[in-house]
C-alpha atoms as a PDB file:
ATOM      1  CA  UNK A   1       0.044   0.023   0.016  1.00  0.00           C
ATOM      2  CA  UNK A   2       1.277   3.380  -1.033  1.00  0.00           C
ATOM      3  CA  UNK A   3       0.900   6.107   1.540  1.00  0.00           C
ATOM      4  CA  UNK A   4       1.721   9.784   1.397  1.00  0.00           C
ATOM      5  CA  UNK A   5       1.544  12.291   4.184  1.00  0.00           C
ATOM      6  CA  UNK A   6      -0.232  15.514   3.563  1.00  0.00           C
ATOM      7  CA  UNK A   7       0.991  18.281   6.055  1.00  0.00           C
ATOM      8  CA  UNK A   8      -1.288  21.360   6.000  1.00  0.00           C
ATOM      9  CA  UNK A   9       0.241  24.592   7.197  1.00  0.00           C
ATOM     10  CA  UNK A  10      -0.394  28.311   6.955  1.00  0.00           C
ATOM     11  CA  UNK A  11       1.019  31.665   8.313  1.00  0.00           C
ATOM     12  CA  UNK A  12      -2.360  33.421   8.738  1.00  0.00           C
ATOM     13  CA  UNK A  13      -3.544  31.737  11.941  1.00  0.00           C
ATOM     14  CA  UNK A  14      -6.249  33.820  13.753  1.00  0.00           C
ATOM     15  CA  UNK A  15      -5.490  32.799  17.341  1.00  0.00           C
ATOM     16  CA  UNK A  16      -1.711  32.853  16.897  1.00  0.00           C
ATOM     17  CA  UNK A  17      -0.400  34.423  13.655  1.00  0.00           C
ATOM     18  CA  UNK A  18       2.710  32.804  12.030  1.00  0.00           C
ATOM     19  CA  UNK A  19       2.608  30.141  14.763  1.00  0.00           C
ATOM     20  CA  UNK A  20       4.273  27.456  12.577  1.00  0.00           C
ATOM     21  CA  UNK A  21       7.287  29.714  12.170  1.00  0.00           C
ATOM     22  CA  UNK A  22       7.524  30.189  15.871  1.00  0.00           C
ATOM     23  CA  UNK A  23      10.542  28.569  17.394  1.00  0.00           C
ATOM     24  CA  UNK A  24      10.582  25.815  20.266  1.00  0.00           C
ATOM     25  CA  UNK A  25      13.855  24.921  21.540  1.00  0.00           C
ATOM     26  CA  UNK A  26      15.730  26.385  18.462  1.00  0.00           C
ATOM     27  CA  UNK A  27      13.619  25.101  15.577  1.00  0.00           C
ATOM     28  CA  UNK A  28      10.279  26.271  13.973  1.00  0.00           C
ATOM     29  CA  UNK A  29       7.264  24.214  14.535  1.00  0.00           C
ATOM     30  CA  UNK A  30       7.103  23.266  10.838  1.00  0.00           C
ATOM     31  CA  UNK A  31      10.681  22.188  10.807  1.00  0.00           C
ATOM     32  CA  UNK A  32       9.988  19.885  13.805  1.00  0.00           C
ATOM     33  CA  UNK A  33       6.828  18.395  12.218  1.00  0.00           C
ATOM     34  CA  UNK A  34       8.502  17.553   8.862  1.00  0.00           C
ATOM     35  CA  UNK A  35      11.626  16.229  10.597  1.00  0.00           C
ATOM     36  CA  UNK A  36       9.823  14.015  12.838  1.00  0.00           C
ATOM     37  CA  UNK A  37       7.274  12.783  10.173  1.00  0.00           C
ATOM     38  CA  UNK A  38      10.125  11.881   7.845  1.00  0.00           C
ATOM     39  CA  UNK A  39      11.128   9.196  10.323  1.00  0.00           C
ATOM     40  CA  UNK A  40       7.948   7.302   9.690  1.00  0.00           C
ATOM     41  CA  UNK A  41       8.762   4.005   7.877  1.00  0.00           C
ATOM     42  CA  UNK A  42       5.232   3.530   6.439  1.00  0.00           C
ATOM     43  CA  UNK A  43       5.265   6.821   4.277  1.00  0.00           C
ATOM     44  CA  UNK A  44       6.274   6.885   0.596  1.00  0.00           C
ATOM     45  CA  UNK A  45       6.678  10.557   0.885  1.00  0.00           C
ATOM     46  CA  UNK A  46       5.468  13.843   2.503  1.00  0.00           C
ATOM     47  CA  UNK A  47       3.803  16.809   0.809  1.00  0.00           C
ATOM     48  CA  UNK A  48       3.581  20.146   2.386  1.00  0.00           C
ATOM     49  CA  UNK A  49       0.144  21.862   1.506  1.00  0.00           C
ATOM     50  CA  UNK A  50       0.077  25.607   1.837  1.00  0.00           C
ATOM     51  CA  UNK A  51      -2.023  28.556   0.768  1.00  0.00           C
ATOM     52  CA  UNK A  52      -1.122  30.485  -2.377  1.00  0.00           C
ATOM     53  CA  UNK A  53      -0.938  33.672  -0.630  1.00  0.00           C
ATOM     54  CA  UNK A  54       2.196  35.893  -0.565  1.00  0.00           C
ATOM     55  CA  UNK A  55       2.263  35.739   3.206  1.00  0.00           C
ATOM     56  CA  UNK A  56       2.833  32.022   3.018  1.00  0.00           C
ATOM     57  CA  UNK A  57       5.794  32.189   0.608  1.00  0.00           C
ATOM     58  CA  UNK A  58       8.334  31.599   3.399  1.00  0.00           C
ATOM     59  CA  UNK A  59       6.828  28.113   4.110  1.00  0.00           C
ATOM     60  CA  UNK A  60       7.613  26.871   0.740  1.00  0.00           C
ATOM     61  CA  UNK A  61      11.305  26.794   1.458  1.00  0.00           C
ATOM     62  CA  UNK A  62      10.918  24.150   4.185  1.00  0.00           C
ATOM     63  CA  UNK A  63      10.298  21.145   2.017  1.00  0.00           C
ATOM     64  CA  UNK A  64      10.940  20.094  -1.455  1.00  0.00           C
ATOM     65  CA  UNK A  65       7.453  18.643  -2.165  1.00  0.00           C
ATOM     66  CA  UNK A  66       5.200  21.572  -1.993  1.00  0.00           C
ATOM     67  CA  UNK A  67       1.561  22.260  -3.243  1.00  0.00           C
ATOM     68  CA  UNK A  68      -0.290  25.499  -3.053  1.00  0.00           C
ATOM     69  CA  UNK A  69      -3.996  26.336  -3.026  1.00  0.00           C
ATOM     70  CA  UNK A  70      -6.767  28.183  -1.441  1.00  0.00           C
ATOM     71  CA  UNK A  71      -6.288  29.346   2.058  1.00  0.00           C
ATOM     72  CA  UNK A  72      -9.580  28.259   3.323  1.00  0.00           C
ATOM     73  CA  UNK A  73     -10.539  25.434   1.014  1.00  0.00           C
ATOM     74  CA  UNK A  74      -7.940  23.009   2.445  1.00  0.00           C
ATOM     75  CA  UNK A  75      -9.911  20.100   0.851  1.00  0.00           C
ATOM     76  CA  UNK A  76      -9.211  21.523  -2.639  1.00  0.00           C
ATOM     77  CA  UNK A  77      -5.627  22.116  -1.708  1.00  0.00           C
ATOM     78  CA  UNK A  78      -5.269  18.419  -0.731  1.00  0.00           C
ATOM     79  CA  UNK A  79      -6.929  17.350  -3.872  1.00  0.00           C
ATOM     80  CA  UNK A  80      -4.299  19.310  -5.858  1.00  0.00           C
ATOM     81  CA  UNK A  81      -1.605  17.336  -3.790  1.00  0.00           C
ATOM     82  CA  UNK A  82      -3.430  13.988  -4.669  1.00  0.00           C
ATOM     83  CA  UNK A  83      -3.326  14.577  -8.419  1.00  0.00           C
ATOM     84  CA  UNK A  84       0.435  15.306  -8.270  1.00  0.00           C
ATOM     85  CA  UNK A  85       1.255  12.515  -5.770  1.00  0.00           C
ATOM     86  CA  UNK A  86      -1.112   9.619  -6.357  1.00  0.00           C
ATOM     87  CA  UNK A  87      -1.186   7.017  -3.700  1.00  0.00           C
ATOM     88  CA  UNK A  88      -3.707   4.383  -2.215  1.00  0.00           C
ATOM     89  CA  UNK A  89      -4.124   6.372   1.026  1.00  0.00           C
ATOM     90  CA  UNK A  90      -3.058   9.686   2.653  1.00  0.00           C
ATOM     91  CA  UNK A  91      -2.077  10.630   6.190  1.00  0.00           C
ATOM     92  CA  UNK A  92      -3.181  13.990   7.404  1.00  0.00           C
ATOM     93  CA  UNK A  93      -1.022  16.088   9.795  1.00  0.00           C
ATOM     94  CA  UNK A  94      -1.258  19.725  10.815  1.00  0.00           C
ATOM     95  CA  UNK A  95       1.903  21.836  11.194  1.00  0.00           C
ATOM     96  CA  UNK A  96       0.765  22.978  14.696  1.00  0.00           C
ATOM     97  CA  UNK A  97       1.706  19.463  16.132  1.00  0.00           C
ATOM     98  CA  UNK A  98       5.454  19.569  16.560  1.00  0.00           C
ATOM     99  CA  UNK A  99       5.618  16.522  18.851  1.00  0.00           C
ATOM    100  CA  UNK A 100       4.112  14.320  16.217  1.00  0.00           C
ATOM    101  CA  UNK A 101       5.290  10.712  16.790  1.00  0.00           C
ATOM    102  CA  UNK A 102       6.352   8.790  13.767  1.00  0.00           C
ATOM    103  CA  UNK A 103       5.874   5.534  15.485  1.00  0.00           C
ATOM    104  CA  UNK A 104       2.171   6.470  16.050  1.00  0.00           C
ATOM    105  CA  UNK A 105       1.856   7.270  12.376  1.00  0.00           C
ATOM    106  CA  UNK A 106       3.316   3.743  11.509  1.00  0.00           C
ATOM    107  CA  UNK A 107       1.011   2.150  14.022  1.00  0.00           C
ATOM    108  CA  UNK A 108      -2.033   3.774  12.615  1.00  0.00           C
ATOM    109  CA  UNK A 109      -1.173   2.969   9.061  1.00  0.00           C
ATOM    110  CA  UNK A 110      -0.782  -0.664  10.122  1.00  0.00           C
ATOM    111  CA  UNK A 111      -4.104  -0.657  11.888  1.00  0.00           C
ATOM    112  CA  UNK A 112      -5.733   1.114   8.846  1.00  0.00           C
ATOM    113  CA  UNK A 113      -4.351  -1.744   6.580  1.00  0.00           C
ATOM    114  CA  UNK A 114      -5.100  -4.675   8.684  1.00  0.00           C
ATOM    115  CA  UNK A 115      -8.726  -3.446   9.341  1.00  0.00           C
ATOM    116  CA  UNK A 116      -9.248  -2.739   5.670  1.00  0.00           C
ATOM    117  CA  UNK A 117     -10.700   0.567   6.705  1.00  0.00           C
ATOM    118  CA  UNK A 118     -11.259   3.569   4.566  1.00  0.00           C
ATOM    119  CA  UNK A 119     -10.724   5.960   7.422  1.00  0.00           C
ATOM    120  CA  UNK A 120      -8.757   5.650  10.622  1.00  0.00           C
ATOM    121  CA  UNK A 121      -7.489   7.844  13.370  1.00  0.00           C
ATOM    122  CA  UNK A 122      -6.492   8.183  17.032  1.00  0.00           C
ATOM    123  CA  UNK A 123      -9.017  10.936  17.519  1.00  0.00           C
ATOM    124  CA  UNK A 124     -12.214   9.053  17.035  1.00  0.00           C
ATOM    125  CA  UNK A 125     -11.882   7.985  20.682  1.00  0.00           C
ATOM    126  CA  UNK A 126      -9.395  10.398  22.370  1.00  0.00           C
ATOM    127  CA  UNK A 127      -6.698   8.593  24.387  1.00  0.00           C
ATOM    128  CA  UNK A 128      -3.535  10.354  22.996  1.00  0.00           C
ATOM    129  CA  UNK A 129      -2.623  13.854  24.033  1.00  0.00           C
ATOM    130  CA  UNK A 130      -3.771  16.618  21.692  1.00  0.00           C
ATOM    131  CA  UNK A 131      -0.852  17.243  19.392  1.00  0.00           C
ATOM    132  CA  UNK A 132      -0.261  13.662  18.421  1.00  0.00           C
ATOM    133  CA  UNK A 133      -3.400  13.565  16.228  1.00  0.00           C
ATOM    134  CA  UNK A 134      -3.029  11.342  13.162  1.00  0.00           C
ATOM    135  CA  UNK A 135      -5.654  10.512  10.321  1.00  0.00           C
ATOM    136  CA  UNK A 136      -5.500   8.302   7.363  1.00  0.00           C
ATOM    137  CA  UNK A 137      -8.055   7.809   4.542  1.00  0.00           C
ATOM    138  CA  UNK A 138      -8.242   6.299   1.177  1.00  0.00           C
ATOM    139  CA  UNK A 139      -7.715   8.115  -2.144  1.00  0.00           C
ATOM    140  CA  UNK A 140     -11.454   7.273  -3.050  1.00  0.00           C
ATOM    141  CA  UNK A 141     -12.929   8.682   0.034  1.00  0.00           C
ATOM    142  CA  UNK A 142     -10.902  11.865  -0.332  1.00  0.00           C
ATOM    143  CA  UNK A 143     -12.091  12.099  -3.896  1.00  0.00           C
ATOM    144  CA  UNK A 144     -15.716  11.779  -2.763  1.00  0.00           C
ATOM    145  CA  UNK A 145     -15.199  14.595  -0.224  1.00  0.00           C
ATOM    146  CA  UNK A 146     -13.853  16.852  -2.837  1.00  0.00           C
ATOM    147  CA  UNK A 147     -16.746  16.233  -5.060  1.00  0.00           C
ATOM    148  CA  UNK A 148     -19.573  16.375  -2.622  1.00  0.00           C
ATOM    149  CA  UNK A 149     -18.580  18.391   0.417  1.00  0.00           C
ATOM    150  CA  UNK A 150     -20.159  21.839   0.430  1.00  0.00           C
ATOM    151  CA  UNK A 151     -20.101  23.077   3.951  1.00  0.00           C
ATOM    152  CA  UNK A 152     -17.251  25.634   4.803  1.00  0.00           C
ATOM    153  CA  UNK A 153     -16.171  23.628   7.939  1.00  0.00           C
ATOM    154  CA  UNK A 154     -15.869  20.513   5.812  1.00  0.00           C
ATOM    155  CA  UNK A 155     -13.786  22.198   3.144  1.00  0.00           C
ATOM    156  CA  UNK A 156     -11.557  23.909   5.709  1.00  0.00           C
ATOM    157  CA  UNK A 157     -10.962  20.825   7.956  1.00  0.00           C
ATOM    158  CA  UNK A 158     -11.052  18.080   5.440  1.00  0.00           C
ATOM    159  CA  UNK A 159     -11.758  15.049   7.518  1.00  0.00           C
ATOM    160  CA  UNK A 160     -15.034  15.749   9.249  1.00  0.00           C
ATOM    161  CA  UNK A 161     -16.855  14.847   5.902  1.00  0.00           C
ATOM    162  CA  UNK A 162     -14.569  11.985   5.352  1.00  0.00           C
ATOM    163  CA  UNK A 163     -15.257  10.525   8.865  1.00  0.00           C
ATOM    164  CA  UNK A 164     -19.044  10.954   8.624  1.00  0.00           C
ATOM    165  CA  UNK A 165     -19.047   9.103   5.231  1.00  0.00           C
ATOM    166  CA  UNK A 166     -16.475   6.357   5.829  1.00  0.00           C
ATOM    167  CA  UNK A 167     -17.971   2.932   5.364  1.00  0.00           C
ATOM    168  CA  UNK A 168     -15.509   1.245   7.773  1.00  0.00           C
ATOM    169  CA  UNK A 169     -13.435   3.074  10.399  1.00  0.00           C
ATOM    170  CA  UNK A 170     -10.577   1.909  12.767  1.00  0.00           C
ATOM    171  CA  UNK A 171      -9.326   3.605  15.904  1.00  0.00           C
ATOM    172  CA  UNK A 172      -5.901   3.694  17.540  1.00  0.00           C
ATOM    173  CA  UNK A 173      -5.895   3.761  21.152  1.00  0.00           C
ATOM    174  CA  UNK A 174      -3.166   4.746  23.635  1.00  0.00           C
ATOM    175  CA  UNK A 175      -2.620   2.171  26.463  1.00  0.00           C
ATOM    176  CA  UNK A 176      -3.733   4.820  28.943  1.00  0.00           C
ATOM    177  CA  UNK A 177      -5.871   7.918  28.585  1.00  0.00           C
ATOM    178  CA  UNK A 178      -3.600  10.822  28.208  1.00  0.00           C
ATOM    179  CA  UNK A 179      -6.271  13.126  26.416  1.00  0.00           C
ATOM    180  CA  UNK A 180      -6.144  15.564  29.015  1.00  0.00           C
ATOM    181  CA  UNK A 181      -2.791  16.933  28.034  1.00  0.00           C
ATOM    182  CA  UNK A 182      -2.773  19.641  25.292  1.00  0.00           C
ATOM    183  CA  UNK A 183       0.423  19.609  23.273  1.00  0.00           C
ATOM    184  CA  UNK A 184      -0.730  21.179  19.957  1.00  0.00           C
ATOM    185  CA  UNK A 185       0.053  24.830  19.385  1.00  0.00           C
ATOM    186  CA  UNK A 186      -2.871  27.198  18.887  1.00  0.00           C
ATOM    187  CA  UNK A 187      -1.924  30.038  21.316  1.00  0.00           C
ATOM    188  CA  UNK A 188       1.196  31.371  22.900  1.00  0.00           C
ATOM    189  CA  UNK A 189       0.340  29.429  26.158  1.00  0.00           C
ATOM    190  CA  UNK A 190       0.345  26.321  24.143  1.00  0.00           C
ATOM    191  CA  UNK A 191       3.802  27.067  22.775  1.00  0.00           C
ATOM    192  CA  UNK A 192       5.010  27.677  26.259  1.00  0.00           C
ATOM    193  CA  UNK A 193       3.977  24.206  27.325  1.00  0.00           C
ATOM    194  CA  UNK A 194       5.415  22.521  24.243  1.00  0.00           C
ATOM    195  CA  UNK A 195       8.778  24.286  24.734  1.00  0.00           C
ATOM    196  CA  UNK A 196       8.781  23.175  28.346  1.00  0.00           C
ATOM    197  CA  UNK A 197       8.356  19.637  27.315  1.00  0.00           C
ATOM    198  CA  UNK A 198      10.900  19.756  24.675  1.00  0.00           C
ATOM    199  CA  UNK A 199      13.437  21.094  27.140  1.00  0.00           C
ATOM    200  CA  UNK A 200      12.655  18.416  29.579  1.00  0.00           C
ATOM    201  CA  UNK A 201      12.570  15.526  27.231  1.00  0.00           C
ATOM    202  CA  UNK A 202      14.624  16.214  24.020  1.00  0.00           C
ATOM    203  CA  UNK A 203      18.229  16.460  25.632  1.00  0.00           C
ATOM    204  CA  UNK A 204      18.090  12.879  27.105  1.00  0.00           C
ATOM    205  CA  UNK A 205      15.693  11.485  24.453  1.00  0.00           C
ATOM    206  CA  UNK A 206      16.470  12.969  21.063  1.00  0.00           C
ATOM    207  CA  UNK A 207      14.196  10.568  19.323  1.00  0.00           C
ATOM    208  CA  UNK A 208      11.466  10.813  21.957  1.00  0.00           C
ATOM    209  CA  UNK A 209       7.967   9.581  21.268  1.00  0.00           C
ATOM    210  CA  UNK A 210       4.585   9.695  23.144  1.00  0.00           C
ATOM    211  CA  UNK A 211       5.867   7.363  25.833  1.00  0.00           C
ATOM    212  CA  UNK A 212       8.540   9.784  27.078  1.00  0.00           C
ATOM    213  CA  UNK A 213       6.299  12.808  26.545  1.00  0.00           C
ATOM    214  CA  UNK A 214       3.432  11.475  28.567  1.00  0.00           C
ATOM    215  CA  UNK A 215       5.796  10.407  31.427  1.00  0.00           C
ATOM    216  CA  UNK A 216       7.172  13.968  31.594  1.00  0.00           C
ATOM    217  CA  UNK A 217       3.630  15.472  31.563  1.00  0.00           C
ATOM    218  CA  UNK A 218       2.631  13.063  34.306  1.00  0.00           C
ATOM    219  CA  UNK A 219       5.555  14.285  36.542  1.00  0.00           C
ATOM    220  CA  UNK A 220       5.224  18.059  35.652  1.00  0.00           C
ATOM    221  CA  UNK A 221       1.660  18.963  36.451  1.00  0.00           C
ATOM    222  CA  UNK A 222       2.507  22.671  37.053  1.00  0.00           C
ATOM    223  CA  UNK A 223       3.510  22.990  33.335  1.00  0.00           C
ATOM    224  CA  UNK A 224       0.403  21.315  32.150  1.00  0.00           C
ATOM    225  CA  UNK A 225      -1.695  23.774  34.021  1.00  0.00           C
ATOM    226  CA  UNK A 226      -0.255  26.612  32.007  1.00  0.00           C
ATOM    227  CA  UNK A 227      -2.719  25.854  29.002  1.00  0.00           C
ATOM    228  CA  UNK A 228      -5.359  23.805  30.701  1.00  0.00           C
ATOM    229  CA  UNK A 229      -7.797  26.393  30.185  1.00  0.00           C
ATOM    230  CA  UNK A 230      -7.294  26.822  26.437  1.00  0.00           C
ATOM    231  CA  UNK A 231     -10.294  25.578  24.320  1.00  0.00           C
ATOM    232  CA  UNK A 232     -10.132  23.764  21.032  1.00  0.00           C
ATOM    233  CA  UNK A 233     -12.250  25.010  18.140  1.00  0.00           C
ATOM    234  CA  UNK A 234     -15.494  22.892  17.892  1.00  0.00           C
ATOM    235  CA  UNK A 235     -17.068  21.715  14.788  1.00  0.00           C
ATOM    236  CA  UNK A 236     -20.384  23.285  13.796  1.00  0.00           C
ATOM    237  CA  UNK A 237     -21.629  20.254  11.729  1.00  0.00           C
ATOM    238  CA  UNK A 238     -23.051  18.122  14.631  1.00  0.00           C
END
């Protein structure tokens, strides 16, 4: 099975402008996502999908395989990538998840394949910390979404429509429930937490994964409280 990762990124974030270019322990968030994702053995390649706005030009230099498209219609942007990089299935990653674990990506791809699903994720039932989100879907299901999805939320966030219309789904669960931890970056508080995690984990575990991160979070509740009141954007389609 041929699998590509599609990484969506933009400079124009409403809550934290240019967050993907913010630095955490010396590297930009987008650098970290791409470097870590490139360690996933299950991926044929990685495509960076960014808006076609001048403000996003700086992002194009971070990866050799780049596609550009509408800022708000991420689904159309993904479809442009699919036409240039055909595969059986695609992993979706957002560039505000600098702690992305390549082993979790590989585990989800394996679960997706063995279950013969057309959509799988570790978010249908949340057990992983936010910031370790991974989704995978078939080429055919993405094509259906591109042709049929009309709601702005579905076009911007890509997978709500896909998850609702999948014939068979699969879920990857973490051995313990660590969903209370917020390790994505939507706000400056989030960045403060992620940088604290990196400073505590990376020097001794340069190839860290979710195991090391969760262990650190468990032992540093004061750091986790910094962004505990931050709210995730909620979908409007349900």
